[in-house]
Protein backbone atom coordinates (compact mmCIF):
# COMPACT_ATOMS: atom_id res chain seq x y z
CA MET A 1 6.82 6.07 12.47
CA SER A 2 6.54 9.34 10.05
CA GLY A 3 2.83 8.88 9.39
CA GLU A 4 3.31 11.41 6.66
CA ALA A 5 2.11 9.70 3.53
CA ASN A 6 -0.67 11.44 1.94
CA PRO A 7 -3.81 8.91 1.86
CA PHE A 8 -5.00 10.44 -1.58
CA GLU A 9 -1.77 10.00 -3.14
CA SER A 10 -1.47 6.24 -1.76
CA LEU A 11 -4.82 5.59 -3.30
CA GLN A 12 -3.58 7.01 -6.71
CA GLU A 13 -0.67 4.96 -6.57
CA GLN A 14 -2.53 1.56 -5.86
CA VAL A 15 -5.13 2.31 -8.67
CA ASP A 16 -1.94 2.64 -11.09
CA ASP A 17 -0.57 -0.31 -9.74
CA ALA A 18 -3.64 -2.34 -10.81
CA ALA A 19 -4.16 -0.40 -14.03
CA ALA A 20 -0.86 -2.06 -15.47
CA TYR A 21 -2.51 -5.29 -15.55
CA LEU A 22 -5.65 -4.10 -17.25
CA ASP A 23 -6.35 -2.91 -20.95
CA ALA A 24 -8.29 0.16 -20.18
CA ASP A 25 -7.94 3.59 -21.60
CA ALA A 26 -5.44 5.86 -19.90
CA GLY A 27 -8.07 8.71 -19.72
CA VAL A 28 -10.56 6.31 -17.81
CA ILE A 29 -7.93 5.40 -15.39
CA GLU A 30 -6.97 9.14 -14.70
CA ARG A 31 -10.81 9.49 -14.16
CA LEU A 32 -10.88 6.67 -11.57
CA LYS A 33 -8.20 8.52 -9.81
CA ASN A 34 -9.88 11.68 -8.86
CA PRO A 35 -13.30 12.78 -7.24
CA GLU A 36 -16.30 13.89 -9.42
CA ARG A 37 -16.95 16.58 -6.77
CA VAL A 38 -15.90 17.59 -3.31
CA LEU A 39 -18.14 19.75 -0.77
CA GLU A 40 -16.05 21.70 1.63
CA THR A 41 -18.25 23.79 3.82
CA ASN A 42 -17.90 25.78 7.19
CA LEU A 43 -20.51 24.89 9.80
CA THR A 44 -21.59 27.44 12.24
CA PHE A 45 -23.44 26.03 15.51
CA GLU A 46 -24.25 27.20 19.08
CA ARG A 47 -22.61 26.10 22.10
CA ASP A 48 -24.36 25.34 25.22
CA ASP A 49 -23.22 28.62 26.65
CA GLY A 50 -24.80 30.28 23.87
CA SER A 51 -21.61 31.30 21.83
CA LEU A 52 -21.20 30.22 18.41
CA GLU A 53 -18.57 28.16 16.78
CA THR A 54 -17.53 27.34 13.11
CA VAL A 55 -15.94 24.38 12.16
CA ARG A 56 -14.88 22.77 8.62
CA ALA A 57 -16.59 19.93 7.19
CA TYR A 58 -16.31 17.83 3.80
CA ARG A 59 -18.12 15.68 1.49
CA SER A 60 -16.52 13.86 -1.30
CA GLN A 61 -18.44 11.84 -4.06
CA PHE A 62 -15.36 9.89 -5.85
CA ASN A 63 -17.58 8.23 -8.58
CA GLY A 64 -21.15 6.87 -8.97
CA ASP A 65 -20.69 4.45 -12.40
CA ARG A 66 -22.08 1.29 -10.35
CA GLY A 67 -24.81 3.13 -8.29
CA PRO A 68 -25.38 5.68 -5.49
CA TYR A 69 -22.21 7.09 -3.70
CA LYS A 70 -21.98 5.44 -0.32
CA GLY A 71 -19.66 6.12 2.35
CA GLY A 72 -19.25 7.07 6.01
CA ILE A 73 -19.06 10.48 8.10
CA ARG A 74 -16.18 10.68 10.57
CA TYR A 75 -15.94 13.28 13.49
CA HIS A 76 -12.07 13.58 14.06
CA PRO A 77 -9.33 16.52 14.62
CA GLY A 78 -7.38 14.76 11.75
CA VAL A 79 -10.06 15.11 8.96
CA THR A 80 -8.51 16.60 5.95
CA ARG A 81 -9.76 17.39 2.27
CA ASP A 82 -6.94 14.85 0.86
CA GLU A 83 -8.17 11.99 3.62
CA VAL A 84 -11.81 12.28 2.64
CA LYS A 85 -11.11 12.12 -0.99
CA ALA A 86 -8.98 9.05 -0.25
CA LEU A 87 -11.42 7.33 1.60
CA SER A 88 -14.27 7.93 -0.84
CA GLY A 89 -12.15 6.39 -3.69
CA TRP A 90 -11.42 3.37 -1.52
CA MET A 91 -15.11 3.19 -0.94
CA VAL A 92 -15.63 2.97 -4.85
CA TYR A 93 -13.29 -0.05 -5.11
CA LYS A 94 -14.31 -1.76 -1.82
CA CYS A 95 -17.86 -1.67 -3.07
CA ALA A 96 -16.98 -3.11 -6.66
CA VAL A 97 -14.40 -5.79 -5.31
CA VAL A 98 -17.38 -7.37 -3.15
CA ASP A 99 -19.99 -6.54 -6.33
CA VAL A 100 -22.11 -4.19 -4.05
CA PRO A 101 -23.89 -1.65 -6.65
CA TYR A 102 -22.99 1.35 -5.05
CA GLY A 103 -20.36 3.93 -6.08
CA GLY A 104 -18.05 6.04 -3.22
CA GLY A 105 -18.31 8.79 -1.14
CA LYS A 106 -16.92 10.03 2.31
CA GLY A 107 -17.31 12.93 4.67
CA GLY A 108 -16.13 14.28 7.74
CA ILE A 109 -16.12 17.26 10.11
CA VAL A 110 -12.83 18.55 11.72
CA ILE A 111 -13.45 18.16 15.57
CA ASP A 112 -12.73 16.12 18.65
CA PRO A 113 -16.21 15.06 19.66
CA THR A 114 -15.04 14.43 23.20
CA ASP A 115 -14.82 18.29 23.44
CA TYR A 116 -18.76 18.86 22.99
CA SER A 117 -21.77 17.81 24.75
CA GLU A 118 -24.72 15.49 23.32
CA SER A 119 -26.60 18.45 22.56
CA GLU A 120 -23.93 20.58 20.85
CA LEU A 121 -23.22 17.50 18.62
CA GLU A 122 -26.78 16.88 17.64
CA ARG A 123 -26.96 20.91 16.56
CA LEU A 124 -23.60 20.43 14.59
CA THR A 125 -24.68 17.15 13.08
CA ARG A 126 -28.04 18.76 11.95
CA SER A 127 -26.38 21.80 10.58
CA PHE A 128 -24.25 19.13 8.66
CA ALA A 129 -27.32 17.47 7.66
CA LYS A 130 -28.97 20.72 6.29
CA GLU A 131 -25.80 21.25 4.12
CA LEU A 132 -25.73 17.72 2.73
CA ARG A 133 -29.46 17.64 2.08
CA PRO A 134 -29.33 18.87 -1.63
CA MET A 135 -26.43 16.00 -2.43
CA ILE A 136 -28.07 13.25 -0.48
CA GLY A 137 -30.91 10.86 -1.10
CA GLU A 138 -31.71 7.15 -1.40
CA ASP A 139 -30.88 6.90 -4.84
CA ILE A 140 -27.95 9.75 -4.74
CA ASP A 141 -25.70 9.55 -2.03
CA ILE A 142 -25.96 7.31 1.28
CA PRO A 143 -23.78 8.14 4.47
CA ALA A 144 -23.18 5.95 7.18
CA PRO A 145 -20.92 5.81 10.47
CA ASP A 146 -17.46 5.93 10.62
CA VAL A 147 -14.70 7.20 13.24
CA ASN A 148 -16.39 8.50 16.38
CA THR A 149 -19.96 8.60 14.86
CA GLY A 150 -22.49 5.79 15.10
CA GLN A 151 -26.31 5.05 15.45
CA ARG A 152 -27.14 8.26 17.12
CA GLU A 153 -25.99 10.47 14.65
CA MET A 154 -27.27 8.51 11.82
CA ASN A 155 -30.67 8.71 13.56
CA TRP A 156 -29.95 12.91 13.81
CA ILE A 157 -29.37 13.08 10.05
CA LYS A 158 -32.16 10.62 8.94
CA ASP A 159 -34.43 12.91 11.06
CA THR A 160 -33.29 16.15 9.58
CA TYR A 161 -33.30 14.92 5.95
CA GLU A 162 -36.99 13.66 6.48
CA THR A 163 -38.33 16.81 8.19
CA LEU A 164 -36.77 19.19 5.83
CA GLU A 165 -37.94 17.04 2.77
CA ASN A 166 -41.64 16.23 4.23
CA THR A 167 -41.22 12.82 3.49
CA THR A 168 -40.11 9.25 5.08
CA ALA A 169 -36.66 8.01 3.60
CA PRO A 170 -35.22 5.54 5.83
CA GLY A 171 -32.78 4.61 3.12
CA VAL A 172 -31.06 7.94 2.94
CA ILE A 173 -28.58 6.65 5.68
CA THR A 174 -27.38 3.42 6.90
CA GLY A 175 -26.10 2.41 10.31
CA LYS A 176 -29.40 3.61 12.19
CA ALA A 177 -30.72 1.97 15.23
CA LEU A 178 -32.81 -0.85 14.87
CA ASP A 179 -36.22 1.02 15.82
CA SER A 180 -35.18 3.60 13.23
CA GLY A 181 -34.74 1.12 10.39
CA GLY A 182 -31.39 -0.09 10.78
CA SER A 183 -30.40 -3.82 10.45
CA GLU A 184 -29.47 -6.70 12.55
CA GLY A 185 -25.73 -7.27 12.24
CA ARG A 186 -24.77 -3.88 11.16
CA VAL A 187 -22.71 -3.03 14.06
CA GLU A 188 -20.66 -6.42 14.09
CA ALA A 189 -20.08 -6.09 10.17
CA THR A 190 -16.69 -4.80 9.74
CA GLY A 191 -15.16 -6.94 12.39
CA ARG A 192 -17.17 -10.02 11.02
CA SER A 193 -15.85 -9.41 7.52
CA THR A 194 -12.49 -9.09 8.84
CA ALA A 195 -12.75 -12.18 10.91
CA LEU A 196 -13.94 -14.33 7.60
CA ALA A 197 -11.16 -12.76 5.43
CA ALA A 198 -8.70 -13.98 7.96
CA ARG A 199 -10.34 -17.32 7.92
CA GLU A 200 -10.46 -17.64 4.13
CA THR A 201 -6.66 -16.36 4.00
CA PHE A 202 -5.44 -19.22 5.95
CA ASP A 203 -7.66 -21.74 4.52
CA TRP A 204 -6.36 -20.71 0.88
CA LEU A 205 -2.59 -21.01 2.46
CA ASP A 206 -3.58 -24.83 3.40
CA ASP A 207 -3.63 -23.65 6.95
CA SER A 208 -6.04 -23.06 9.79
CA ILE A 209 -6.76 -20.09 11.76
CA GLU A 210 -7.20 -22.22 14.87
CA GLY A 211 -4.49 -21.98 17.27
CA LYS A 212 -2.75 -19.02 15.49
CA THR A 213 -1.38 -15.87 17.54
CA VAL A 214 -3.25 -12.64 16.88
CA ALA A 215 -2.59 -8.93 17.76
CA VAL A 216 -5.08 -6.28 17.14
CA GLN A 217 -4.00 -2.53 16.92
CA GLY A 218 -7.18 -0.58 17.57
CA TYR A 219 -9.78 -1.79 19.87
CA GLY A 220 -12.69 0.24 18.69
CA ASN A 221 -15.88 -1.54 17.23
CA ALA A 222 -13.97 -3.27 14.45
CA GLY A 223 -11.15 -4.41 16.15
CA SER A 224 -13.04 -5.63 19.18
CA VAL A 225 -15.39 -7.65 17.11
CA ALA A 226 -12.75 -9.06 14.97
CA ALA A 227 -10.62 -10.38 17.81
CA ALA A 228 -14.04 -11.92 19.41
CA LEU A 229 -14.94 -13.60 16.26
CA ILE A 230 -11.29 -14.60 15.56
CA GLU A 231 -11.23 -16.02 19.05
CA ASP A 232 -14.35 -18.03 18.20
CA LEU A 233 -12.76 -19.36 15.15
CA GLY A 234 -9.87 -20.77 17.31
CA GLY A 235 -7.29 -18.00 16.99
CA ARG A 236 -5.39 -16.90 20.20
CA VAL A 237 -5.69 -13.16 20.62
CA VAL A 238 -2.31 -12.09 22.39
CA ALA A 239 -2.18 -8.42 22.13
CA VAL A 240 -4.51 -5.62 21.91
CA SER A 241 -4.05 -1.74 21.83
CA ASP A 242 -5.77 1.62 21.69
CA SER A 243 -4.96 5.25 21.35
CA SER A 244 -3.67 5.17 25.03
CA GLY A 245 -1.49 2.12 24.36
CA GLY A 246 -1.79 -1.77 24.56
CA VAL A 247 -1.41 -4.84 26.52
CA HIS A 248 0.20 -8.28 25.86
CA ASP A 249 -0.26 -11.71 27.21
CA PRO A 250 1.55 -14.83 25.26
CA ASP A 251 -1.00 -17.07 27.26
CA GLY A 252 -3.89 -15.20 25.70
CA ILE A 253 -6.18 -12.59 26.16
CA ASP A 254 -10.29 -12.87 26.34
CA ALA A 255 -11.24 -10.35 23.57
CA ARG A 256 -15.03 -9.99 24.89
CA ASP A 257 -13.51 -9.37 28.55
CA ALA A 258 -10.97 -6.77 27.30
CA LYS A 259 -13.49 -5.08 25.37
CA ALA A 260 -15.82 -5.21 28.85
CA HIS A 261 -12.59 -3.67 30.59
CA LYS A 262 -12.21 -0.78 27.88
CA GLN A 263 -15.85 0.06 28.27
CA THR A 264 -15.51 0.38 31.80
CA THR A 265 -12.23 2.17 32.24
CA GLY A 266 -11.95 3.91 28.73
CA THR A 267 -8.87 2.06 27.75
CA VAL A 268 -7.58 -1.51 27.38
CA SER A 269 -4.37 -0.38 29.41
CA GLY A 270 -4.30 -2.17 32.95
CA TYR A 271 -6.36 -5.26 31.60
CA GLY A 272 -5.96 -8.34 33.89
CA SER A 273 -2.33 -9.72 34.33
CA THR A 274 -1.35 -8.57 30.95
CA GLU A 275 2.15 -6.41 30.55
CA PRO A 276 1.96 -2.99 28.79
CA LEU A 277 3.31 -2.34 25.23
CA THR A 278 3.21 0.85 22.67
CA ASN A 279 1.24 0.66 19.65
CA GLU A 280 4.49 0.16 17.69
CA GLU A 281 5.55 -2.95 19.67
CA LEU A 282 2.15 -4.26 19.33
CA LEU A 283 2.70 -4.01 15.26
CA THR A 284 6.20 -5.60 15.22
CA LEU A 285 5.02 -8.81 17.52
CA ASP A 286 5.98 -12.20 16.54
CA VAL A 287 2.42 -13.27 15.87
CA ASP A 288 0.77 -15.20 13.16
CA LEU A 289 -1.93 -12.66 12.49
CA LEU A 290 -1.96 -8.87 12.71
CA VAL A 291 -4.96 -6.82 12.39
CA PRO A 292 -4.52 -2.93 12.23
CA ALA A 293 -7.76 -1.64 13.07
CA ALA A 294 -7.01 2.03 13.63
CA LEU A 295 -6.46 4.96 11.22
CA GLU A 296 -4.31 5.41 8.29
CA ASN A 297 -0.48 5.34 7.77
CA ALA A 298 0.00 2.77 10.98
CA ILE A 299 2.67 0.89 9.24
CA ASP A 300 5.11 2.81 6.80
CA ALA A 301 8.51 1.87 5.28
CA ASP A 302 10.63 2.49 8.36
CA LEU A 303 8.33 -0.06 10.31
CA ALA A 304 7.69 -2.65 7.78
CA PRO A 305 10.98 -4.36 8.05
CA ASP A 306 10.22 -4.65 11.82
CA VAL A 307 6.95 -6.44 11.08
CA ARG A 308 7.12 -10.09 12.13
CA ALA A 309 3.39 -10.93 11.57
CA ASP A 310 3.06 -13.72 8.73
CA VAL A 311 -0.42 -12.50 7.50
CA ILE A 312 -1.78 -8.89 8.03
CA VAL A 313 -5.49 -8.72 7.55
CA GLU A 314 -6.75 -4.77 7.27
CA ALA A 315 -9.66 -3.83 9.38
CA ALA A 316 -8.83 -0.06 9.01
CA ASN A 317 -8.79 2.07 5.88
CA GLY A 318 -5.26 2.53 4.61
CA PRO A 319 -3.21 1.28 7.45
CA LEU A 320 -0.12 0.40 5.37
CA THR A 321 1.48 3.10 3.20
CA PRO A 322 2.51 1.99 -0.50
CA ASP A 323 6.07 1.80 0.56
CA ALA A 324 5.12 -0.50 3.25
CA ASP A 325 3.15 -2.65 1.08
CA ALA A 326 6.40 -2.92 -1.11
CA VAL A 327 8.54 -3.91 1.90
CA LEU A 328 6.43 -6.47 2.99
CA THR A 329 5.41 -7.81 -0.50
CA ASP A 330 9.30 -8.38 -0.83
CA ARG A 331 9.22 -10.25 2.48
CA GLY A 332 6.57 -12.56 1.59
CA VAL A 333 4.11 -11.29 4.27
CA ARG A 334 0.56 -11.96 3.04
CA VAL A 335 -1.72 -8.69 3.06
CA VAL A 336 -5.10 -9.09 3.06
CA PRO A 337 -6.30 -5.29 1.68
CA ASP A 338 -8.79 -3.10 3.35
CA ILE A 339 -11.03 -2.64 0.26
CA PHE A 340 -11.85 -6.36 0.71
CA ALA A 341 -11.33 -7.27 4.40
CA ASN A 342 -13.37 -4.46 6.18
CA ALA A 343 -16.29 -4.39 3.59
CA GLY A 344 -18.55 -6.16 5.79
CA GLY A 345 -19.70 -2.49 6.80
CA VAL A 346 -20.73 -1.41 3.42
CA THR A 347 -22.33 -4.91 2.61
CA VAL A 348 -24.50 -4.93 5.37
CA SER A 349 -24.99 -1.33 4.87
CA TYR A 350 -26.32 -2.36 1.48
CA PHE A 351 -28.47 -5.02 3.03
CA GLU A 352 -29.97 -2.31 5.30
CA TRP A 353 -30.66 -0.05 2.35
CA VAL A 354 -32.32 -3.11 0.48
CA GLN A 355 -34.66 -3.66 3.54
CA ASN A 356 -35.61 -0.07 3.52
CA ARG A 357 -36.54 0.10 0.30
CA GLN A 358 -38.44 -3.10 0.46
CA ARG A 359 -39.88 -2.26 4.02
CA PHE A 360 -39.00 -5.73 4.83
CA HIS A 361 -36.87 -6.81 7.91
CA TRP A 362 -34.26 -9.71 7.69
CA THR A 363 -33.13 -11.72 10.53
CA GLU A 364 -29.69 -11.39 11.97
CA THR A 365 -29.06 -15.05 10.85
CA ARG A 366 -30.01 -14.17 7.51
CA VAL A 367 -27.61 -10.91 7.44
CA ASN A 368 -24.73 -12.88 8.56
CA GLU A 369 -25.31 -15.92 6.24
CA GLU A 370 -25.65 -13.26 3.23
CA LEU A 371 -22.41 -11.62 4.52
CA GLU A 372 -20.51 -14.68 4.61
CA ARG A 373 -21.45 -15.71 0.86
CA VAL A 374 -20.41 -12.04 -0.28
CA ILE A 375 -17.15 -12.23 1.58
CA THR A 376 -16.21 -15.64 0.53
CA GLU A 377 -17.04 -15.46 -3.09
CA ALA A 378 -15.14 -12.01 -3.20
CA PHE A 379 -12.15 -13.70 -1.85
CA ASP A 380 -12.26 -16.62 -4.55
CA GLY A 381 -12.51 -13.74 -7.14
CA ILE A 382 -9.48 -12.06 -5.68
CA VAL A 383 -7.54 -15.19 -5.55
CA ASP A 384 -8.44 -16.11 -9.13
CA ALA A 385 -7.01 -12.40 -10.21
CA HIS A 386 -3.88 -12.97 -8.03
CA GLU A 387 -3.42 -16.26 -9.98
CA SER A 388 -4.48 -15.41 -13.54
CA TYR A 389 -2.90 -11.92 -13.79
CA ASP A 390 0.33 -12.88 -11.54
CA THR A 391 -0.05 -9.85 -9.40
CA PRO A 392 2.72 -9.18 -6.87
CA ASN A 393 -0.03 -9.51 -3.96
CA LEU A 394 -3.82 -9.56 -3.09
CA ARG A 395 -4.08 -5.67 -3.05
CA THR A 396 -3.06 -5.34 -6.21
CA ALA A 397 -5.47 -8.40 -7.30
CA ALA A 398 -8.33 -6.88 -5.31
CA TYR A 399 -7.95 -3.56 -7.26
CA VAL A 400 -7.97 -5.43 -10.78
CA VAL A 401 -10.96 -6.94 -9.79
CA ALA A 402 -12.68 -3.57 -8.74
CA ILE A 403 -11.36 -1.45 -11.42
CA GLU A 404 -12.26 -3.79 -14.13
CA ARG A 405 -15.84 -3.65 -12.68
CA VAL A 406 -16.10 0.24 -12.77
CA VAL A 407 -14.38 0.69 -16.07
CA ASP A 408 -16.93 -1.92 -17.56
CA ALA A 409 -19.89 0.12 -15.80
CA TYR A 410 -18.41 3.42 -17.27
CA GLU A 411 -17.97 2.01 -20.87
CA GLN A 412 -21.52 0.37 -21.02
CA ALA A 413 -23.07 3.59 -20.29
CA GLY A 414 -21.08 5.53 -22.54
CA ASN A 415 -19.45 9.20 -22.36
CA TRP A 416 -21.41 12.17 -23.36
CA PRO A 417 -21.10 16.01 -22.59
């Protein structure tokens, strides 16, 4: 795989593809292809040995027409300005397609977190929170976890913001620990929406997910949760992988047991009596359902002809390049787009924010029931758009739904200097 597709250009191409089906002003569409602002900052923090280190960090606020900017913060050596811009744009349309009243944002720090101690990561996170302080807030911009960040980092950001502002504002960030104002069901939300999206897709195709073979590329939180919940729905997980490689067993893999193996050893490799395989081999397995749950551009135009899955449900952001999308569309492969399939994370983040603002805690049952309602209603809307606009695939239909909502919000507000 080349892996060279620019994610920001991919986003803009996806917007253009959908805009062709809408009667929207070209200037408005151009506005919806570019971020409103991007913070690029250098963070200097102290290492445990007393030395100072400086790293690059970003926060993109793409569009706020439908509400506060919303999006995660990732710690990864591959973070770039264009990646953050693309991810913040995808967040705009992700929120719109599931009708959550947020805009889109995204942030990242260019580091490999495994190179740092917990105390170093805390100092770095708090340094970033100080830089973000003027541009975030419960009604302004609400960060969340992403790749290599979680409840711990969100708690640090919340505490830094509240201390500097001399206030209590749990809604300034989501993805927190329960005792710090987090929500039940948040950790599983992205994987849960992926599983629900898979179920709804097979139902739409007059089929059932029960008995279907499943391969999951990327066995972090989203991938492992999706695998377990798809297994609960009757699917048969036959292959999983992480950055170190993958494992395959045509008779089936116990999704939860494989996750426990990874938690113990650091990798899925060597699990049980499985056979090893590479990530590329997993992506081209002959399975009914493929769940790419790793990073962007996992499948490009070179690999797409070899993909043999009947249905692809995108748990990751941007796992297919636009060229790969075109190949798979021509081949009749059903691709359920990321802006819908993995929207469970931002949906339950919204629920967390609502609970924070109301100072009222929901049960996990209520969270999961509300999430299922949002996902099933959103899927029905995408299918309606797919059929009424005769779009080539579900991705374009999802963008049609999302862009139409953002355009409506922009036009209803009016434009003034």
